[in-house]
Structure formats: structure tokens, C-alpha cells
Amino acid sequence: MKIAIGTDHAGERFAQASLLYMASQGIEVVSFLPNFINPTSVDYPDFASLVAAQVAQKTCDFGVLICGTGIGMSIAANKYKGIRAAVVHDAFTARACRAHNNANILCVGDRVIGLGVFEECLRIFLSTPFEGGRHLTRVCKIEQLER
């Protein structure tokens, strides 16, 4: 599995936790992170674009995007054809977005959820398969909207 990760200046804590978790699981990571040593404000659409392009081009299997709320990242990433970026807040939304929506980018807000909840969401998102079936019909309808 290969994961692209990107964050703006608000996501250092979650980015570091992501990198540690993925390394422990043997997951290959392509990271697009700002300079946390000399932090300055950066624009989240720039990082969302880098990650979404990797996933849309199938260079990476999934993406993880982190900003203050997760919302801006998801809006920007969802502009790419083939991207289904979902903002998650808990274990239920992390599982449902994969199982029902075949989401391929996890978006979270460092200012919205705690580190432990984020780690649980990341683990669930990466381990939950898409259920297909009746959900496939719905995902296909989303894909038709992109055309």
C-alpha cells in the first residue's frame, strides 16, 4: 500500500502520528508537508492538490489530508476527477466513508478532533474495504457527475 499525505501549517501533530503509524505498518508514504522547523502559514489547496493528483493518477492508493478542520482540504481535493475525499470526525465516519462511499482520501481537522481519535480514524480508514453491492451503484452515479 502506498499513501500520499499532505498538511498545511495546522497539521504537524497529526502528520507526525501518521508517519509513525504508517512506518509501523510497512506502508510506503509520499509526503507533502510544509516546513515545520520554521513554520509559516501555507495554503491548504496547494497541499490538497499534490495529494489528490497522486491518488487520481493512481500513483498512490489513498491519501491523507490534514488542516485545521479538514473541510478546506476536502473541498480542494474533490475538484479532481476520481477523488472522493471525506472529512471524518470519528470511527463511524471513517468506516462508513470507506465501506459505503469508497472514499480514497481521508480528511481530518487537527483543531476538531483529538490525536487518539485521529489515530483510530486513520487505522479504520486504511483497513476498511469498500462493500460494493448497492453502494457501488451510488459511487457510479457520483462518477457520472464528474463527466
N, C-alpha and C. Protein backbone atom coordinates (compact mmCIF):
# COMPACT_ATOMS: atom_id res chain seq x y z
N MET A 1 0.84 -1.17 0.00
CA MET A 1 0.00 0.00 0.00
C MET A 1 0.89 1.24 0.00
N LYS A 2 0.46 2.24 -0.75
CA LYS A 2 1.20 3.49 -0.85
C LYS A 2 0.24 4.65 -0.58
N ILE A 3 0.61 5.51 0.36
CA ILE A 3 -0.25 6.59 0.81
C ILE A 3 0.44 7.93 0.59
N ALA A 4 -0.31 8.89 0.04
CA ALA A 4 0.17 10.27 -0.05
C ALA A 4 -0.41 11.04 1.13
N ILE A 5 0.42 11.84 1.77
CA ILE A 5 -0.04 12.63 2.91
C ILE A 5 0.35 14.08 2.69
N GLY A 6 -0.58 14.96 3.03
CA GLY A 6 -0.32 16.38 2.93
C GLY A 6 -1.00 17.13 4.07
N THR A 7 -0.40 18.22 4.46
CA THR A 7 -0.97 19.03 5.53
C THR A 7 -0.57 20.48 5.33
N ASP A 8 -1.35 21.35 5.92
CA ASP A 8 -0.93 22.74 5.97
C ASP A 8 -0.24 22.97 7.32
N HIS A 9 -0.04 24.20 7.69
CA HIS A 9 0.67 24.53 8.92
C HIS A 9 -0.04 24.04 10.18
N ALA A 10 -1.34 23.73 10.11
CA ALA A 10 -2.11 23.31 11.28
C ALA A 10 -1.99 21.82 11.59
N GLY A 11 -1.33 21.06 10.74
CA GLY A 11 -1.40 19.61 10.89
C GLY A 11 -0.15 18.88 11.33
N GLU A 12 0.80 19.56 11.91
CA GLU A 12 2.07 18.89 12.24
C GLU A 12 1.86 17.70 13.17
N ARG A 13 1.08 17.86 14.21
CA ARG A 13 0.88 16.79 15.20
C ARG A 13 0.32 15.53 14.55
N PHE A 14 -0.72 15.69 13.73
CA PHE A 14 -1.33 14.54 13.07
C PHE A 14 -0.42 13.97 11.99
N ALA A 15 0.31 14.83 11.30
CA ALA A 15 1.23 14.35 10.26
C ALA A 15 2.29 13.44 10.87
N GLN A 16 2.87 13.86 11.97
CA GLN A 16 3.90 13.04 12.62
C GLN A 16 3.32 11.72 13.09
N ALA A 17 2.12 11.74 13.65
CA ALA A 17 1.48 10.50 14.09
C ALA A 17 1.20 9.58 12.90
N SER A 18 0.79 10.17 11.77
CA SER A 18 0.53 9.39 10.55
C SER A 18 1.79 8.69 10.09
N LEU A 19 2.87 9.44 10.03
CA LEU A 19 4.13 8.87 9.55
C LEU A 19 4.60 7.73 10.44
N LEU A 20 4.47 7.89 11.75
CA LEU A 20 4.86 6.82 12.67
C LEU A 20 3.99 5.57 12.48
N TYR A 21 2.67 5.78 12.37
CA TYR A 21 1.77 4.64 12.20
C TYR A 21 2.06 3.92 10.89
N MET A 22 2.20 4.65 9.80
CA MET A 22 2.42 4.02 8.50
C MET A 22 3.75 3.29 8.45
N ALA A 23 4.77 3.86 9.07
CA ALA A 23 6.07 3.18 9.13
C ALA A 23 5.93 1.86 9.90
N SER A 24 5.16 1.88 11.00
CA SER A 24 4.99 0.66 11.80
C SER A 24 4.23 -0.42 11.05
N GLN A 25 3.45 -0.03 10.05
CA GLN A 25 2.66 -0.96 9.25
C GLN A 25 3.34 -1.33 7.94
N GLY A 26 4.51 -0.78 7.69
CA GLY A 26 5.22 -1.06 6.44
C GLY A 26 4.58 -0.40 5.23
N ILE A 27 3.85 0.67 5.45
CA ILE A 27 3.17 1.39 4.38
C ILE A 27 4.13 2.41 3.77
N GLU A 28 4.23 2.40 2.46
CA GLU A 28 5.06 3.38 1.77
C GLU A 28 4.34 4.72 1.76
N VAL A 29 5.08 5.79 2.03
CA VAL A 29 4.48 7.11 2.15
C VAL A 29 5.14 8.09 1.19
N VAL A 30 4.30 8.88 0.53
CA VAL A 30 4.76 10.03 -0.25
C VAL A 30 4.25 11.24 0.52
N SER A 31 5.16 12.03 1.07
CA SER A 31 4.72 13.12 1.95
C SER A 31 4.91 14.48 1.30
N PHE A 32 3.89 15.29 1.50
CA PHE A 32 3.88 16.68 1.07
C PHE A 32 3.58 17.51 2.31
N LEU A 33 4.63 17.84 3.03
CA LEU A 33 4.48 18.53 4.30
C LEU A 33 5.20 19.87 4.25
N PRO A 34 4.65 20.87 4.92
CA PRO A 34 5.35 22.16 4.98
C PRO A 34 6.55 22.07 5.91
N ASN A 35 7.33 23.10 5.93
CA ASN A 35 8.49 23.17 6.81
C ASN A 35 8.01 23.44 8.23
N PHE A 36 8.03 22.42 9.08
CA PHE A 36 7.58 22.59 10.45
C PHE A 36 8.67 23.18 11.35
N ILE A 37 9.91 23.18 10.88
CA ILE A 37 11.01 23.74 11.68
C ILE A 37 10.88 25.26 11.75
N ASN A 38 10.61 25.87 10.63
CA ASN A 38 10.36 27.32 10.56
C ASN A 38 8.95 27.52 10.05
N PRO A 39 7.95 27.27 10.90
CA PRO A 39 6.56 27.27 10.42
C PRO A 39 6.08 28.66 9.98
N THR A 40 5.42 28.64 8.86
CA THR A 40 4.73 29.82 8.36
C THR A 40 3.38 29.35 7.84
N SER A 41 2.50 30.26 7.67
CA SER A 41 1.19 29.92 7.13
C SER A 41 1.35 29.50 5.67
N VAL A 42 0.73 28.37 5.31
CA VAL A 42 0.76 27.90 3.93
C VAL A 42 -0.68 27.71 3.47
N ASP A 43 -0.86 27.58 2.18
CA ASP A 43 -2.20 27.47 1.61
C ASP A 43 -2.59 26.01 1.41
N TYR A 44 -3.64 25.59 2.10
CA TYR A 44 -4.08 24.19 2.05
C TYR A 44 -4.40 23.70 0.64
N PRO A 45 -4.94 24.53 -0.30
CA PRO A 45 -5.22 23.98 -1.63
C PRO A 45 -3.96 23.46 -2.34
N ASP A 46 -2.81 24.06 -2.04
CA ASP A 46 -1.57 23.60 -2.67
C ASP A 46 -1.25 22.17 -2.27
N PHE A 47 -1.42 21.86 -0.99
CA PHE A 47 -1.11 20.52 -0.50
C PHE A 47 -2.21 19.52 -0.88
N ALA A 48 -3.46 19.97 -0.87
CA ALA A 48 -4.56 19.10 -1.31
C ALA A 48 -4.36 18.69 -2.76
N SER A 49 -3.92 19.62 -3.57
CA SER A 49 -3.71 19.36 -4.99
C SER A 49 -2.61 18.31 -5.20
N LEU A 50 -1.54 18.42 -4.45
CA LEU A 50 -0.43 17.46 -4.60
C LEU A 50 -0.88 16.05 -4.25
N VAL A 51 -1.60 15.91 -3.16
CA VAL A 51 -2.07 14.59 -2.73
C VAL A 51 -3.15 14.06 -3.68
N ALA A 52 -4.12 14.90 -4.03
CA ALA A 52 -5.20 14.46 -4.91
C ALA A 52 -4.66 14.01 -6.26
N ALA A 53 -3.66 14.70 -6.78
CA ALA A 53 -3.08 14.31 -8.06
C ALA A 53 -2.45 12.92 -7.97
N GLN A 54 -1.78 12.62 -6.87
CA GLN A 54 -1.16 11.30 -6.69
C GLN A 54 -2.22 10.20 -6.68
N VAL A 55 -3.32 10.44 -5.98
CA VAL A 55 -4.38 9.43 -5.88
C VAL A 55 -5.15 9.33 -7.19
N ALA A 56 -5.45 10.47 -7.80
CA ALA A 56 -6.19 10.46 -9.08
C ALA A 56 -5.42 9.75 -10.18
N GLN A 57 -4.10 9.93 -10.17
CA GLN A 57 -3.25 9.29 -11.19
C GLN A 57 -2.90 7.85 -10.81
N LYS A 58 -3.40 7.40 -9.66
CA LYS A 58 -3.18 6.05 -9.15
C LYS A 58 -1.71 5.77 -8.85
N THR A 59 -0.95 6.82 -8.60
CA THR A 59 0.43 6.68 -8.13
C THR A 59 0.42 6.24 -6.68
N CYS A 60 -0.62 6.66 -5.95
CA CYS A 60 -0.82 6.24 -4.57
C CYS A 60 -2.21 5.65 -4.43
N ASP A 61 -2.34 4.70 -3.50
CA ASP A 61 -3.62 4.03 -3.28
C ASP A 61 -4.63 4.92 -2.57
N PHE A 62 -4.15 5.65 -1.58
CA PHE A 62 -5.00 6.51 -0.77
C PHE A 62 -4.25 7.78 -0.43
N GLY A 63 -5.00 8.74 0.11
CA GLY A 63 -4.39 9.98 0.58
C GLY A 63 -4.90 10.32 1.96
N VAL A 64 -4.10 11.11 2.66
CA VAL A 64 -4.48 11.66 3.96
C VAL A 64 -4.19 13.15 3.90
N LEU A 65 -5.21 13.96 4.21
CA LEU A 65 -5.05 15.41 4.20
C LEU A 65 -5.46 15.97 5.55
N ILE A 66 -4.65 16.88 6.06
CA ILE A 66 -4.87 17.44 7.39
C ILE A 66 -4.79 18.96 7.31
N CYS A 67 -5.79 19.60 7.88
CA CYS A 67 -5.74 21.05 8.05
C CYS A 67 -6.45 21.36 9.37
N GLY A 68 -6.83 22.59 9.58
CA GLY A 68 -7.49 22.94 10.83
C GLY A 68 -8.81 22.23 11.03
N THR A 69 -9.63 22.15 9.97
CA THR A 69 -10.94 21.50 10.08
C THR A 69 -11.08 20.27 9.19
N GLY A 70 -10.26 20.13 8.18
CA GLY A 70 -10.40 19.06 7.19
C GLY A 70 -11.30 19.47 6.04
N ILE A 71 -12.09 20.49 6.24
CA ILE A 71 -13.07 20.89 5.24
C ILE A 71 -12.42 21.51 4.01
N GLY A 72 -11.53 22.45 4.20
CA GLY A 72 -10.87 23.09 3.06
C GLY A 72 -10.11 22.08 2.21
N MET A 73 -9.41 21.17 2.87
CA MET A 73 -8.68 20.14 2.14
C MET A 73 -9.63 19.29 1.31
N SER A 74 -10.77 18.91 1.89
CA SER A 74 -11.70 18.05 1.16
C SER A 74 -12.31 18.78 -0.03
N ILE A 75 -12.64 20.04 0.14
CA ILE A 75 -13.21 20.81 -0.97
C ILE A 75 -12.21 20.87 -2.12
N ALA A 76 -10.96 21.19 -1.81
CA ALA A 76 -9.94 21.29 -2.86
C ALA A 76 -9.67 19.94 -3.52
N ALA A 77 -9.52 18.90 -2.74
CA ALA A 77 -9.21 17.57 -3.28
C ALA A 77 -10.34 17.05 -4.16
N ASN A 78 -11.56 17.33 -3.78
CA ASN A 78 -12.71 16.81 -4.53
C ASN A 78 -12.90 17.48 -5.89
N LYS A 79 -12.08 18.45 -6.22
CA LYS A 79 -12.12 19.05 -7.55
C LYS A 79 -11.48 18.13 -8.60
N TYR A 80 -10.73 17.13 -8.13
CA TYR A 80 -10.05 16.20 -9.03
C TYR A 80 -10.97 15.05 -9.40
N LYS A 81 -10.99 14.72 -10.68
CA LYS A 81 -11.78 13.59 -11.15
C LYS A 81 -11.29 12.30 -10.49
N GLY A 82 -12.23 11.53 -10.00
CA GLY A 82 -11.88 10.25 -9.37
C GLY A 82 -11.59 10.34 -7.89
N ILE A 83 -11.62 11.53 -7.35
CA ILE A 83 -11.34 11.69 -5.92
C ILE A 83 -12.64 11.73 -5.14
N ARG A 84 -12.63 10.98 -4.05
CA ARG A 84 -13.72 11.01 -3.09
C ARG A 84 -13.08 11.24 -1.72
N ALA A 85 -12.88 12.53 -1.42
CA ALA A 85 -12.24 12.94 -0.17
C ALA A 85 -13.31 13.19 0.88
N ALA A 86 -13.19 12.52 2.01
CA ALA A 86 -14.20 12.60 3.05
C ALA A 86 -13.62 13.15 4.35
N VAL A 87 -14.33 14.12 4.92
CA VAL A 87 -13.98 14.64 6.23
C VAL A 87 -14.55 13.67 7.27
N VAL A 88 -13.71 13.21 8.17
CA VAL A 88 -14.18 12.29 9.20
C VAL A 88 -13.90 12.88 10.58
N HIS A 89 -14.77 12.51 11.53
CA HIS A 89 -14.68 13.02 12.88
C HIS A 89 -14.61 11.93 13.94
N ASP A 90 -14.85 10.69 13.51
CA ASP A 90 -14.91 9.60 14.48
C ASP A 90 -14.79 8.26 13.75
N ALA A 91 -14.80 7.19 14.52
CA ALA A 91 -14.65 5.85 13.96
C ALA A 91 -15.78 5.52 12.99
N PHE A 92 -17.01 5.94 13.31
CA PHE A 92 -18.13 5.64 12.44
C PHE A 92 -17.96 6.28 11.06
N THR A 93 -17.61 7.56 11.01
CA THR A 93 -17.47 8.22 9.71
C THR A 93 -16.26 7.70 8.95
N ALA A 94 -15.21 7.30 9.66
CA ALA A 94 -14.04 6.73 8.99
C ALA A 94 -14.39 5.40 8.32
N ARG A 95 -15.16 4.59 9.00
CA ARG A 95 -15.57 3.29 8.45
C ARG A 95 -16.59 3.47 7.32
N ALA A 96 -17.58 4.30 7.55
CA ALA A 96 -18.66 4.47 6.57
C ALA A 96 -18.16 5.07 5.26
N CYS A 97 -17.26 6.02 5.32
CA CYS A 97 -16.80 6.64 4.07
C CYS A 97 -16.04 5.65 3.20
N ARG A 98 -15.39 4.70 3.79
CA ARG A 98 -14.71 3.66 3.01
C ARG A 98 -15.70 2.59 2.56
N ALA A 99 -16.47 2.06 3.50
CA ALA A 99 -17.36 0.94 3.20
C ALA A 99 -18.49 1.33 2.25
N HIS A 100 -19.03 2.52 2.38
CA HIS A 100 -20.19 2.92 1.59
C HIS A 100 -19.87 3.83 0.43
N ASN A 101 -18.86 4.70 0.58
CA ASN A 101 -18.58 5.70 -0.45
C ASN A 101 -17.29 5.44 -1.21
N ASN A 102 -16.55 4.42 -0.82
CA ASN A 102 -15.26 4.11 -1.43
C ASN A 102 -14.37 5.34 -1.45
N ALA A 103 -14.39 6.09 -0.34
CA ALA A 103 -13.54 7.28 -0.22
C ALA A 103 -12.08 6.88 -0.39
N ASN A 104 -11.33 7.73 -1.08
CA ASN A 104 -9.91 7.41 -1.29
C ASN A 104 -8.98 8.44 -0.66
N ILE A 105 -9.53 9.48 -0.06
CA ILE A 105 -8.72 10.43 0.71
C ILE A 105 -9.42 10.71 2.03
N LEU A 106 -8.69 10.53 3.11
CA LEU A 106 -9.16 10.83 4.45
C LEU A 106 -8.77 12.27 4.76
N CYS A 107 -9.75 13.08 5.16
CA CYS A 107 -9.50 14.47 5.55
C CYS A 107 -9.89 14.65 7.01
N VAL A 108 -9.01 15.26 7.77
CA VAL A 108 -9.28 15.47 9.19
C VAL A 108 -8.84 16.88 9.60
N GLY A 109 -9.45 17.33 10.69
CA GLY A 109 -9.12 18.63 11.25
C GLY A 109 -8.40 18.49 12.57
N ASP A 110 -7.17 18.97 12.61
CA ASP A 110 -6.37 18.93 13.83
C ASP A 110 -6.99 19.77 14.94
N ARG A 111 -7.78 20.76 14.57
CA ARG A 111 -8.41 21.63 15.57
C ARG A 111 -9.81 21.14 15.95
N VAL A 112 -10.21 19.98 15.41
CA VAL A 112 -11.56 19.48 15.61
C VAL A 112 -11.58 18.21 16.46
N ILE A 113 -10.66 17.30 16.19
CA ILE A 113 -10.63 16.03 16.92
C ILE A 113 -9.29 15.87 17.62
N GLY A 114 -9.26 15.01 18.60
CA GLY A 114 -8.03 14.75 19.34
C GLY A 114 -7.13 13.76 18.63
N LEU A 115 -5.91 13.69 19.09
CA LEU A 115 -4.91 12.82 18.47
C LEU A 115 -5.32 11.35 18.52
N GLY A 116 -5.84 10.89 19.64
CA GLY A 116 -6.26 9.49 19.75
C GLY A 116 -7.38 9.15 18.79
N VAL A 117 -8.34 10.05 18.63
CA VAL A 117 -9.44 9.83 17.68
C VAL A 117 -8.88 9.80 16.26
N PHE A 118 -7.96 10.71 15.96
CA PHE A 118 -7.36 10.72 14.63
C PHE A 118 -6.66 9.40 14.34
N GLU A 119 -5.87 8.91 15.28
CA GLU A 119 -5.15 7.65 15.06
C GLU A 119 -6.12 6.49 14.81
N GLU A 120 -7.23 6.47 15.54
CA GLU A 120 -8.25 5.44 15.33
C GLU A 120 -8.88 5.59 13.95
N CYS A 121 -9.19 6.82 13.55
CA CYS A 121 -9.79 7.06 12.24
C CYS A 121 -8.85 6.63 11.12
N LEU A 122 -7.58 6.94 11.24
CA LEU A 122 -6.60 6.56 10.24
C LEU A 122 -6.52 5.05 10.10
N ARG A 123 -6.43 4.35 11.22
CA ARG A 123 -6.35 2.88 11.22
C ARG A 123 -7.59 2.28 10.56
N ILE A 124 -8.75 2.77 10.94
CA ILE A 124 -10.01 2.25 10.40
C ILE A 124 -10.12 2.55 8.91
N PHE A 125 -9.82 3.77 8.51
CA PHE A 125 -9.90 4.16 7.10
C PHE A 125 -9.04 3.25 6.23
N LEU A 126 -7.80 3.01 6.67
CA LEU A 126 -6.87 2.21 5.86
C LEU A 126 -7.17 0.72 5.88
N SER A 127 -7.95 0.26 6.82
CA SER A 127 -8.22 -1.18 6.92
C SER A 127 -9.64 -1.57 6.49
N THR A 128 -10.47 -0.61 6.20
CA THR A 128 -11.86 -0.92 5.84
C THR A 128 -12.01 -1.06 4.34
N PRO A 129 -12.50 -2.19 3.87
CA PRO A 129 -12.72 -2.36 2.42
C PRO A 129 -14.05 -1.74 1.98
N PHE A 130 -14.12 -1.42 0.71
CA PHE A 130 -15.37 -0.96 0.11
C PHE A 130 -16.31 -2.14 0.01
N GLU A 131 -17.56 -1.98 0.43
CA GLU A 131 -18.53 -3.08 0.43
C GLU A 131 -19.09 -3.40 -0.94
N GLY A 132 -19.08 -2.45 -1.86
CA GLY A 132 -19.66 -2.69 -3.17
C GLY A 132 -21.16 -2.84 -3.08
N GLY A 133 -21.73 -3.77 -3.86
CA GLY A 133 -23.18 -4.02 -3.82
C GLY A 133 -23.97 -2.77 -4.13
N ARG A 134 -24.97 -2.50 -3.31
CA ARG A 134 -25.82 -1.33 -3.55
C ARG A 134 -25.03 -0.02 -3.49
N HIS A 135 -23.91 -0.04 -2.77
CA HIS A 135 -23.08 1.16 -2.66
C HIS A 135 -22.33 1.44 -3.97
N LEU A 136 -22.01 0.39 -4.72
CA LEU A 136 -21.33 0.57 -6.00
C LEU A 136 -22.18 1.37 -6.97
N THR A 137 -23.46 1.09 -6.99
CA THR A 137 -24.37 1.84 -7.86
C THR A 137 -24.31 3.32 -7.54
N ARG A 138 -24.24 3.66 -6.28
CA ARG A 138 -24.21 5.06 -5.86
C ARG A 138 -22.88 5.71 -6.20
N VAL A 139 -21.80 4.99 -6.00
CA VAL A 139 -20.49 5.53 -6.35
C VAL A 139 -20.40 5.75 -7.86
N CYS A 140 -20.98 4.84 -8.64
CA CYS A 140 -21.00 5.02 -10.10
C CYS A 140 -21.78 6.28 -10.49
N LYS A 141 -22.84 6.58 -9.76
CA LYS A 141 -23.59 7.81 -10.03
C LYS A 141 -22.76 9.05 -9.72
N ILE A 142 -21.95 8.97 -8.69
CA ILE A 142 -21.02 10.09 -8.39
C ILE A 142 -20.03 10.24 -9.53
N GLU A 143 -19.51 9.13 -10.02
CA GLU A 143 -18.56 9.18 -11.14
C GLU A 143 -19.20 9.78 -12.39
N GLN A 144 -20.48 9.51 -12.61
CA GLN A 144 -21.18 10.09 -13.75
C GLN A 144 -21.26 11.60 -13.62
N LEU A 145 -21.36 12.12 -12.43
CA LEU A 145 -21.40 13.56 -12.23
C LEU A 145 -20.09 14.24 -12.65
N GLU A 146 -19.00 13.48 -12.62
CA GLU A 146 -17.69 14.02 -12.99
C GLU A 146 -17.53 14.18 -14.51
N ARG A 147 -18.39 13.51 -15.26
CA ARG A 147 -18.25 13.52 -16.71
C ARG A 147 -18.83 14.73 -17.33
